[in-house]
Amino acid sequence: VGVGAQAGKLPAQLSGGQQQRVAIARALAMHPK
């Protein structure tokens, strides 16, 4: 999702667009149907 370099940061250190992409990665990590 294009935010690999941000892995060690806290959400507040990210832009809104980056945070939303992290939220997508978080959802995908559960292997949803």
PDB file of all heavy atoms in Angstrom:
ATOM      1  N   VAL A   1       0.822  -1.220   0.000  1.00  0.00           N
ATOM      2  CA  VAL A   1       0.000   0.000   0.000  1.00  0.00           C
ATOM      3  C   VAL A   1       0.856   1.270   0.000  1.00  0.00           C
ATOM      4  O   VAL A   1       0.325   2.382   0.116  1.00  0.00           O
ATOM      5  CB  VAL A   1      -1.007   0.017   1.182  1.00  0.00           C
ATOM      6  CG1 VAL A   1      -1.946  -1.171   1.097  1.00  0.00           C
ATOM      7  CG2 VAL A   1      -0.301   0.070   2.532  1.00  0.00           C
ATOM      8  N   GLY A   2       2.180   1.093  -0.127  1.00  0.00           N
ATOM      9  CA  GLY A   2       3.053   2.246  -0.341  1.00  0.00           C
ATOM     10  C   GLY A   2       3.508   2.982   0.903  1.00  0.00           C
ATOM     11  O   GLY A   2       3.938   4.128   0.825  1.00  0.00           O
ATOM     12  N   VAL A   3       3.437   2.315   2.077  1.00  0.00           N
ATOM     13  CA  VAL A   3       3.893   2.989   3.308  1.00  0.00           C
ATOM     14  C   VAL A   3       4.877   2.113   4.089  1.00  0.00           C
ATOM     15  O   VAL A   3       4.976   2.214   5.311  1.00  0.00           O
ATOM     16  CB  VAL A   3       2.700   3.413   4.215  1.00  0.00           C
ATOM     17  CG1 VAL A   3       1.939   4.575   3.608  1.00  0.00           C
ATOM     18  CG2 VAL A   3       1.773   2.243   4.508  1.00  0.00           C
ATOM     19  N   GLY A   4       5.618   1.270   3.383  1.00  0.00           N
ATOM     20  CA  GLY A   4       6.568   0.388   4.051  1.00  0.00           C
ATOM     21  C   GLY A   4       7.585   1.131   4.893  1.00  0.00           C
ATOM     22  O   GLY A   4       7.999   0.652   5.956  1.00  0.00           O
ATOM     23  N   ALA A   5       7.979   2.310   4.444  1.00  0.00           N
ATOM     24  CA  ALA A   5       9.001   3.081   5.162  1.00  0.00           C
ATOM     25  C   ALA A   5       8.482   3.690   6.467  1.00  0.00           C
ATOM     26  O   ALA A   5       9.260   4.201   7.273  1.00  0.00           O
ATOM     27  CB  ALA A   5       9.536   4.198   4.257  1.00  0.00           C
ATOM     28  N   GLN A   6       7.181   3.630   6.674  1.00  0.00           N
ATOM     29  CA  GLN A   6       6.584   4.266   7.864  1.00  0.00           C
ATOM     30  C   GLN A   6       6.339   3.269   8.999  1.00  0.00           C
ATOM     31  O   GLN A   6       5.723   3.620  10.002  1.00  0.00           O
ATOM     32  CB  GLN A   6       5.231   4.918   7.491  1.00  0.00           C
ATOM     33  CG  GLN A   6       5.208   5.686   6.192  1.00  0.00           C
ATOM     34  CD  GLN A   6       6.201   6.829   6.166  1.00  0.00           C
ATOM     35  OE1 GLN A   6       6.491   7.431   7.185  1.00  0.00           O
ATOM     36  NE2 GLN A   6       6.735   7.118   4.980  1.00  0.00           N
ATOM     37  N   ALA A   7       6.802   2.036   8.871  1.00  0.00           N
ATOM     38  CA  ALA A   7       6.419   0.970   9.810  1.00  0.00           C
ATOM     39  C   ALA A   7       6.701   1.302  11.270  1.00  0.00           C
ATOM     40  O   ALA A   7       5.937   0.921  12.161  1.00  0.00           O
ATOM     41  CB  ALA A   7       7.121  -0.336   9.441  1.00  0.00           C
ATOM     42  N   GLY A   8       7.787   2.025  11.541  1.00  0.00           N
ATOM     43  CA  GLY A   8       8.160   2.302  12.931  1.00  0.00           C
ATOM     44  C   GLY A   8       7.537   3.558  13.505  1.00  0.00           C
ATOM     45  O   GLY A   8       7.764   3.883  14.688  1.00  0.00           O
ATOM     46  N   LYS A   9       6.772   4.283  12.714  1.00  0.00           N
ATOM     47  CA  LYS A   9       6.198   5.558  13.179  1.00  0.00           C
ATOM     48  C   LYS A   9       4.861   5.352  13.878  1.00  0.00           C
ATOM     49  O   LYS A   9       4.186   4.331  13.702  1.00  0.00           O
ATOM     50  CB  LYS A   9       6.004   6.504  11.986  1.00  0.00           C
ATOM     51  CG  LYS A   9       7.322   6.968  11.366  1.00  0.00           C
ATOM     52  CD  LYS A   9       7.061   7.967  10.248  1.00  0.00           C
ATOM     53  CE  LYS A   9       8.388   8.444   9.650  1.00  0.00           C
ATOM     54  NZ  LYS A   9       8.156   9.340   8.496  1.00  0.00           N
ATOM     55  N   LEU A  10       4.469   6.357  14.646  1.00  0.00           N
ATOM     56  CA  LEU A  10       3.133   6.387  15.232  1.00  0.00           C
ATOM     57  C   LEU A  10       2.170   7.017  14.224  1.00  0.00           C
ATOM     58  O   LEU A  10       2.582   7.836  13.389  1.00  0.00           O
ATOM     59  CB  LEU A  10       3.134   7.199  16.528  1.00  0.00           C
ATOM     60  CG  LEU A  10       3.920   6.597  17.698  1.00  0.00           C
ATOM     61  CD1 LEU A  10       4.030   7.599  18.839  1.00  0.00           C
ATOM     62  CD2 LEU A  10       3.273   5.298  18.180  1.00  0.00           C
ATOM     63  N   PRO A  11       0.877   6.671  14.290  1.00  0.00           N
ATOM     64  CA  PRO A  11      -0.084   7.226  13.329  1.00  0.00           C
ATOM     65  C   PRO A  11      -0.051   8.751  13.222  1.00  0.00           C
ATOM     66  O   PRO A  11      -0.180   9.294  12.125  1.00  0.00           O
ATOM     67  CB  PRO A  11      -1.433   6.727  13.870  1.00  0.00           C
ATOM     68  CG  PRO A  11      -1.098   5.423  14.516  1.00  0.00           C
ATOM     69  CD  PRO A  11       0.255   5.635  15.148  1.00  0.00           C
ATOM     70  N   ALA A  12       0.143   9.441  14.343  1.00  0.00           N
ATOM     71  CA  ALA A  12       0.126  10.912  14.325  1.00  0.00           C
ATOM     72  C   ALA A  12       1.256  11.503  13.479  1.00  0.00           C
ATOM     73  O   ALA A  12       1.193  12.676  13.088  1.00  0.00           O
ATOM     74  CB  ALA A  12       0.203  11.466  15.749  1.00  0.00           C
ATOM     75  N   GLN A  13       2.270  10.706  13.193  1.00  0.00           N
ATOM     76  CA  GLN A  13       3.393  11.186  12.381  1.00  0.00           C
ATOM     77  C   GLN A  13       3.145  11.023  10.885  1.00  0.00           C
ATOM     78  O   GLN A  13       3.979  11.406  10.072  1.00  0.00           O
ATOM     79  CB  GLN A  13       4.674  10.428  12.779  1.00  0.00           C
ATOM     80  CG  GLN A  13       5.100  10.671  14.217  1.00  0.00           C
ATOM     81  CD  GLN A  13       6.267   9.781  14.612  1.00  0.00           C
ATOM     82  OE1 GLN A  13       6.109   8.607  14.937  1.00  0.00           O
ATOM     83  NE2 GLN A  13       7.458  10.338  14.554  1.00  0.00           N
ATOM     84  N   LEU A  14       1.993  10.465  10.526  1.00  0.00           N
ATOM     85  CA  LEU A  14       1.664  10.195   9.130  1.00  0.00           C
ATOM     86  C   LEU A  14       0.610  11.173   8.620  1.00  0.00           C
ATOM     87  O   LEU A  14      -0.172  11.715   9.411  1.00  0.00           O
ATOM     88  CB  LEU A  14       1.114   8.770   8.982  1.00  0.00           C
ATOM     89  CG  LEU A  14       2.106   7.626   8.787  1.00  0.00           C
ATOM     90  CD1 LEU A  14       3.133   7.559   9.892  1.00  0.00           C
ATOM     91  CD2 LEU A  14       1.361   6.295   8.688  1.00  0.00           C
ATOM     92  N   SER A  15       0.578  11.358   7.313  1.00  0.00           N
ATOM     93  CA  SER A  15      -0.503  12.134   6.700  1.00  0.00           C
ATOM     94  C   SER A  15      -1.797  11.320   6.755  1.00  0.00           C
ATOM     95  O   SER A  15      -1.783  10.108   6.997  1.00  0.00           O
ATOM     96  CB  SER A  15      -0.173  12.442   5.233  1.00  0.00           C
ATOM     97  OG  SER A  15      -0.257  11.246   4.460  1.00  0.00           O
ATOM     98  N   GLY A  16      -2.906  11.982   6.500  1.00  0.00           N
ATOM     99  CA  GLY A  16      -4.193  11.281   6.472  1.00  0.00           C
ATOM    100  C   GLY A  16      -4.218  10.171   5.439  1.00  0.00           C
ATOM    101  O   GLY A  16      -4.730   9.074   5.694  1.00  0.00           O
ATOM    102  N   GLY A  17      -3.663  10.444   4.267  1.00  0.00           N
ATOM    103  CA  GLY A  17      -3.648   9.433   3.214  1.00  0.00           C
ATOM    104  C   GLY A  17      -2.814   8.224   3.609  1.00  0.00           C
ATOM    105  O   GLY A  17      -3.187   7.073   3.330  1.00  0.00           O
ATOM    106  N   GLN A  18      -1.682   8.487   4.280  1.00  0.00           N
ATOM    107  CA  GLN A  18      -0.857   7.373   4.743  1.00  0.00           C
ATOM    108  C   GLN A  18      -1.581   6.568   5.820  1.00  0.00           C
ATOM    109  O   GLN A  18      -1.551   5.339   5.825  1.00  0.00           O
ATOM    110  CB  GLN A  18       0.469   7.913   5.287  1.00  0.00           C
ATOM    111  CG  GLN A  18       1.403   8.442   4.209  1.00  0.00           C
ATOM    112  CD  GLN A  18       2.616   9.142   4.797  1.00  0.00           C
ATOM    113  OE1 GLN A  18       2.539   9.798   5.837  1.00  0.00           O
ATOM    114  NE2 GLN A  18       3.749   8.995   4.136  1.00  0.00           N
ATOM    115  N   GLN A  19      -2.256   7.267   6.738  1.00  0.00           N
ATOM    116  CA  GLN A  19      -2.982   6.563   7.797  1.00  0.00           C
ATOM    117  C   GLN A  19      -4.081   5.665   7.211  1.00  0.00           C
ATOM    118  O   GLN A  19      -4.290   4.543   7.674  1.00  0.00           O
ATOM    119  CB  GLN A  19      -3.607   7.565   8.775  1.00  0.00           C
ATOM    120  CG  GLN A  19      -2.592   8.268   9.653  1.00  0.00           C
ATOM    121  CD  GLN A  19      -3.266   9.120  10.717  1.00  0.00           C
ATOM    122  OE1 GLN A  19      -4.037   8.629  11.530  1.00  0.00           O
ATOM    123  NE2 GLN A  19      -2.980  10.417  10.707  1.00  0.00           N
ATOM    124  N   GLN A  20      -4.769   6.169   6.197  1.00  0.00           N
ATOM    125  CA  GLN A  20      -5.839   5.361   5.613  1.00  0.00           C
ATOM    126  C   GLN A  20      -5.264   4.142   4.896  1.00  0.00           C
ATOM    127  O   GLN A  20      -5.862   3.061   4.919  1.00  0.00           O
ATOM    128  CB  GLN A  20      -6.693   6.212   4.662  1.00  0.00           C
ATOM    129  CG  GLN A  20      -8.013   5.582   4.251  1.00  0.00           C
ATOM    130  CD  GLN A  20      -8.937   5.278   5.411  1.00  0.00           C
ATOM    131  OE1 GLN A  20      -8.630   4.457   6.273  1.00  0.00           O
ATOM    132  NE2 GLN A  20     -10.087   5.931   5.439  1.00  0.00           N
ATOM    133  N   ARG A  21      -4.095   4.294   4.297  1.00  0.00           N
ATOM    134  CA  ARG A  21      -3.462   3.137   3.652  1.00  0.00           C
ATOM    135  C   ARG A  21      -2.998   2.117   4.690  1.00  0.00           C
ATOM    136  O   ARG A  21      -3.069   0.903   4.450  1.00  0.00           O
ATOM    137  CB  ARG A  21      -2.320   3.596   2.746  1.00  0.00           C
ATOM    138  CG  ARG A  21      -2.855   4.242   1.466  1.00  0.00           C
ATOM    139  CD  ARG A  21      -1.754   4.632   0.522  1.00  0.00           C
ATOM    140  NE  ARG A  21      -1.126   5.880   0.918  1.00  0.00           N
ATOM    141  CZ  ARG A  21       0.095   6.249   0.548  1.00  0.00           C
ATOM    142  NH1 ARG A  21       0.825   5.457  -0.223  1.00  0.00           N
ATOM    143  NH2 ARG A  21       0.589   7.408   0.939  1.00  0.00           N
ATOM    144  N   VAL A  22      -2.557   2.597   5.848  1.00  0.00           N
ATOM    145  CA  VAL A  22      -2.233   1.674   6.949  1.00  0.00           C
ATOM    146  C   VAL A  22      -3.500   0.940   7.393  1.00  0.00           C
ATOM    147  O   VAL A  22      -3.480  -0.275   7.647  1.00  0.00           O
ATOM    148  CB  VAL A  22      -1.606   2.430   8.143  1.00  0.00           C
ATOM    149  CG1 VAL A  22      -1.454   1.500   9.352  1.00  0.00           C
ATOM    150  CG2 VAL A  22      -0.254   3.020   7.758  1.00  0.00           C
ATOM    151  N   ALA A  23      -4.617   1.659   7.466  1.00  0.00           N
ATOM    152  CA  ALA A  23      -5.887   1.033   7.868  1.00  0.00           C
ATOM    153  C   ALA A  23      -6.286  -0.066   6.871  1.00  0.00           C
ATOM    154  O   ALA A  23      -6.806  -1.112   7.264  1.00  0.00           O
ATOM    155  CB  ALA A  23      -6.990   2.087   7.967  1.00  0.00           C
ATOM    156  N   ILE A  24      -6.019   0.160   5.586  1.00  0.00           N
ATOM    157  CA  ILE A  24      -6.309  -0.865   4.573  1.00  0.00           C
ATOM    158  C   ILE A  24      -5.400  -2.075   4.789  1.00  0.00           C
ATOM    159  O   ILE A  24      -5.849  -3.224   4.769  1.00  0.00           O
ATOM    160  CB  ILE A  24      -6.152  -0.294   3.150  1.00  0.00           C
ATOM    161  CG1 ILE A  24      -7.238   0.761   2.885  1.00  0.00           C
ATOM    162  CG2 ILE A  24      -6.210  -1.406   2.108  1.00  0.00           C
ATOM    163  CD1 ILE A  24      -7.056   1.539   1.576  1.00  0.00           C
ATOM    164  N   ALA A  25      -4.096  -1.820   5.034  1.00  0.00           N
ATOM    165  CA  ALA A  25      -3.163  -2.925   5.282  1.00  0.00           C
ATOM    166  C   ALA A  25      -3.582  -3.720   6.516  1.00  0.00           C
ATOM    167  O   ALA A  25      -3.514  -4.950   6.535  1.00  0.00           O
ATOM    168  CB  ALA A  25      -1.740  -2.383   5.458  1.00  0.00           C
ATOM    169  N   ARG A  26      -4.031  -2.999   7.543  1.00  0.00           N
ATOM    170  CA  ARG A  26      -4.466  -3.669   8.775  1.00  0.00           C
ATOM    171  C   ARG A  26      -5.656  -4.602   8.492  1.00  0.00           C
ATOM    172  O   ARG A  26      -5.704  -5.726   8.986  1.00  0.00           O
ATOM    173  CB  ARG A  26      -4.852  -2.627   9.823  1.00  0.00           C
ATOM    174  CG  ARG A  26      -5.356  -3.236  11.115  1.00  0.00           C
ATOM    175  CD  ARG A  26      -5.749  -2.171  12.115  1.00  0.00           C
ATOM    176  NE  ARG A  26      -6.835  -1.335  11.611  1.00  0.00           N
ATOM    177  CZ  ARG A  26      -7.363  -0.325  12.304  1.00  0.00           C
ATOM    178  NH1 ARG A  26      -6.901  -0.023  13.494  1.00  0.00           N
ATOM    179  NH2 ARG A  26      -8.344   0.384  11.789  1.00  0.00           N
ATOM    180  N   ALA A  27      -6.595  -4.139   7.685  1.00  0.00           N
ATOM    181  CA  ALA A  27      -7.741  -4.981   7.342  1.00  0.00           C
ATOM    182  C   ALA A  27      -7.300  -6.187   6.508  1.00  0.00           C
ATOM    183  O   ALA A  27      -7.758  -7.318   6.730  1.00  0.00           O
ATOM    184  CB  ALA A  27      -8.789  -4.164   6.586  1.00  0.00           C
ATOM    185  N   LEU A  28      -6.386  -5.975   5.566  1.00  0.00           N
ATOM    186  CA  LEU A  28      -5.929  -7.067   4.698  1.00  0.00           C
ATOM    187  C   LEU A  28      -5.146  -8.123   5.476  1.00  0.00           C
ATOM    188  O   LEU A  28      -5.133  -9.294   5.100  1.00  0.00           O
ATOM    189  CB  LEU A  28      -5.040  -6.512   3.581  1.00  0.00           C
ATOM    190  CG  LEU A  28      -5.729  -5.653   2.518  1.00  0.00           C
ATOM    191  CD1 LEU A  28      -4.697  -5.056   1.578  1.00  0.00           C
ATOM    192  CD2 LEU A  28      -6.749  -6.471   1.739  1.00  0.00           C
ATOM    193  N   ALA A  29      -4.507  -7.721   6.567  1.00  0.00           N
ATOM    194  CA  ALA A  29      -3.690  -8.646   7.356  1.00  0.00           C
ATOM    195  C   ALA A  29      -4.514  -9.783   7.947  1.00  0.00           C
ATOM    196  O   ALA A  29      -3.981 -10.840   8.293  1.00  0.00           O
ATOM    197  CB  ALA A  29      -2.967  -7.895   8.466  1.00  0.00           C
ATOM    198  N   MET A  30      -5.832  -9.581   8.042  1.00  0.00           N
ATOM    199  CA  MET A  30      -6.715 -10.620   8.581  1.00  0.00           C
ATOM    200  C   MET A  30      -7.193 -11.591   7.493  1.00  0.00           C
ATOM    201  O   MET A  30      -7.986 -12.482   7.768  1.00  0.00           O
ATOM    202  CB  MET A  30      -7.924  -9.971   9.251  1.00  0.00           C
ATOM    203  CG  MET A  30      -7.565  -9.130  10.466  1.00  0.00           C
ATOM    204  SD  MET A  30      -6.832 -10.103  11.789  1.00  0.00           S
ATOM    205  CE  MET A  30      -8.292 -10.986  12.361  1.00  0.00           C
ATOM    206  N   HIS A  31      -6.717 -11.405   6.253  1.00  0.00           N
ATOM    207  CA  HIS A  31      -7.130 -12.260   5.121  1.00  0.00           C
ATOM    208  C   HIS A  31      -8.652 -12.313   4.985  1.00  0.00           C
ATOM    209  O   HIS A  31      -9.243 -13.397   4.973  1.00  0.00           O
ATOM    210  CB  HIS A  31      -6.557 -13.669   5.264  1.00  0.00           C
ATOM    211  CG  HIS A  31      -5.066 -13.705   5.176  1.00  0.00           C
ATOM    212  ND1 HIS A  31      -4.385 -13.825   3.991  1.00  0.00           N
ATOM    213  CD2 HIS A  31      -4.117 -13.593   6.140  1.00  0.00           C
ATOM    214  CE1 HIS A  31      -3.081 -13.798   4.223  1.00  0.00           C
ATOM    215  NE2 HIS A  31      -2.892 -13.655   5.517  1.00  0.00           N
ATOM    216  N   PRO A  32      -9.290 -11.147   4.878  1.00  0.00           N
ATOM    217  CA  PRO A  32     -10.753 -11.146   4.816  1.00  0.00           C
ATOM    218  C   PRO A  32     -11.272 -11.708   3.499  1.00  0.00           C
ATOM    219  O   PRO A  32     -10.604 -11.613   2.471  1.00  0.00           O
ATOM    220  CB  PRO A  32     -11.099  -9.662   4.935  1.00  0.00           C
ATOM    221  CG  PRO A  32      -9.909  -8.961   4.342  1.00  0.00           C
ATOM    222  CD  PRO A  32      -8.725  -9.798   4.735  1.00  0.00           C
ATOM    223  N   LYS A  33     -12.471 -12.282   3.559  1.00  0.00           N
ATOM    224  CA  LYS A  33     -13.156 -12.721   2.336  1.00  0.00           C
ATOM    225  C   LYS A  33     -13.816 -11.537   1.644  1.00  0.00           C
ATOM    226  O   LYS A  33     -14.056 -11.571   0.440  1.00  0.00           O
ATOM    227  CB  LYS A  33     -14.238 -13.744   2.690  1.00  0.00           C
ATOM    228  CG  LYS A  33     -13.704 -15.042   3.241  1.00  0.00           C
ATOM    229  CD  LYS A  33     -14.856 -15.949   3.646  1.00  0.00           C
ATOM    230  CE  LYS A  33     -14.324 -17.275   4.181  1.00  0.00           C
ATOM    231  NZ  LYS A  33     -15.407 -18.143   4.663  1.00  0.00           N
TER     232      LYS A  33
END
